[in-house]
Amino acid sequence: MATVNRPRATKSSKTTKGAVPSEMAKITTQAVNLQDEIRVRAFNLFVQRGCEHGRDLEDWVRAESEVLARFGAHTA
């Protein structure tokens, strides 16, 4: 029977179960907060227009633009 040479796991490749690097946690939290801010702003725009349906995309794009400008973020 042939043997297969597998690379051995090194100490540096092991991670603590459930550990999230602090930078990743910050990025994830920031992304979620931005999306929440955009969602709330889009809803407020909807309400300001008297809850007129059919312009949700317009509200979302405007809200996204306003929130990203406020936080100094750039779109891709």
Protein backbone atom coordinates (compact mmCIF):
# COMPACT_ATOMS: atom_id res chain seq x y z
CA MET A 1 0.00 0.00 0.00
CA ALA A 2 1.36 3.44 -0.94
CA THR A 3 1.83 6.07 1.69
CA VAL A 4 0.88 9.69 1.22
CA ASN A 5 3.20 12.38 2.46
CA ARG A 6 1.10 15.03 4.11
CA PRO A 7 2.55 18.28 5.39
CA ARG A 8 2.77 18.32 9.14
CA ALA A 9 0.82 20.93 11.00
CA THR A 10 3.07 23.55 12.46
CA LYS A 11 2.55 25.41 15.65
CA SER A 12 1.88 28.64 13.75
CA SER A 13 -1.01 27.09 11.81
CA LYS A 14 -2.95 26.25 14.95
CA THR A 15 -5.49 28.76 16.22
CA THR A 16 -7.42 28.99 19.43
CA LYS A 17 -10.95 27.73 18.95
CA GLY A 18 -13.39 30.62 18.73
CA ALA A 19 -10.69 33.29 18.67
CA VAL A 20 -11.24 36.22 16.31
CA PRO A 21 -8.38 38.58 15.60
CA SER A 22 -9.16 42.02 17.02
CA GLU A 23 -8.81 43.74 13.63
CA MET A 24 -11.32 41.34 12.05
CA ALA A 25 -13.76 41.96 14.89
CA LYS A 26 -13.45 45.72 14.38
CA ILE A 27 -14.01 45.44 10.62
CA THR A 28 -17.02 43.15 11.08
CA THR A 29 -18.56 45.41 13.72
CA GLN A 30 -18.01 48.50 11.59
CA ALA A 31 -19.58 46.88 8.52
CA VAL A 32 -22.63 45.80 10.49
CA ASN A 33 -22.99 49.23 12.06
CA LEU A 34 -22.78 50.94 8.66
CA GLN A 35 -25.46 48.67 7.26
CA ASP A 36 -27.68 49.39 10.26
CA GLU A 37 -27.13 53.13 9.83
CA ILE A 38 -28.03 52.90 6.13
CA ARG A 39 -31.13 50.84 6.88
CA VAL A 40 -32.39 53.33 9.48
CA ARG A 41 -31.68 56.32 7.22
CA ALA A 42 -33.47 54.67 4.26
CA PHE A 43 -36.50 53.99 6.45
CA ASN A 44 -36.51 57.60 7.67
CA LEU A 45 -36.46 58.82 4.06
CA PHE A 46 -39.41 56.51 3.33
CA VAL A 47 -41.35 57.95 6.27
CA GLN A 48 -40.46 61.55 5.31
CA ARG A 49 -42.06 60.94 1.90
CA GLY A 50 -45.28 59.86 3.57
CA CYS A 51 -44.59 56.10 3.36
CA GLU A 52 -44.94 56.14 -0.43
CA HIS A 53 -44.03 52.68 -1.76
CA GLY A 54 -42.04 51.94 -4.90
CA ARG A 55 -38.99 54.11 -4.26
CA ASP A 56 -37.09 51.80 -1.93
CA LEU A 57 -33.99 51.56 -4.13
CA GLU A 58 -33.83 55.33 -4.42
CA ASP A 59 -34.09 55.63 -0.64
CA TRP A 60 -31.42 52.99 -0.08
CA VAL A 61 -28.94 54.58 -2.50
CA ARG A 62 -29.46 58.04 -1.04
CA ALA A 63 -29.14 56.71 2.51
CA GLU A 64 -26.01 54.76 1.61
CA SER A 65 -24.44 57.84 0.06
CA GLU A 66 -25.26 60.01 3.08
CA VAL A 67 -24.05 57.49 5.65
CA LEU A 68 -20.82 56.65 3.83
CA ALA A 69 -20.07 60.35 3.37
CA ARG A 70 -20.68 60.95 7.09
CA PHE A 71 -18.32 58.14 8.09
CA GLY A 72 -15.76 59.01 5.43
CA ALA A 73 -16.06 55.56 3.82
CA HIS A 74 -15.56 54.91 0.14
CA THR A 75 -17.65 52.73 -2.13
CA ALA A 76 -15.97 50.00 -4.16
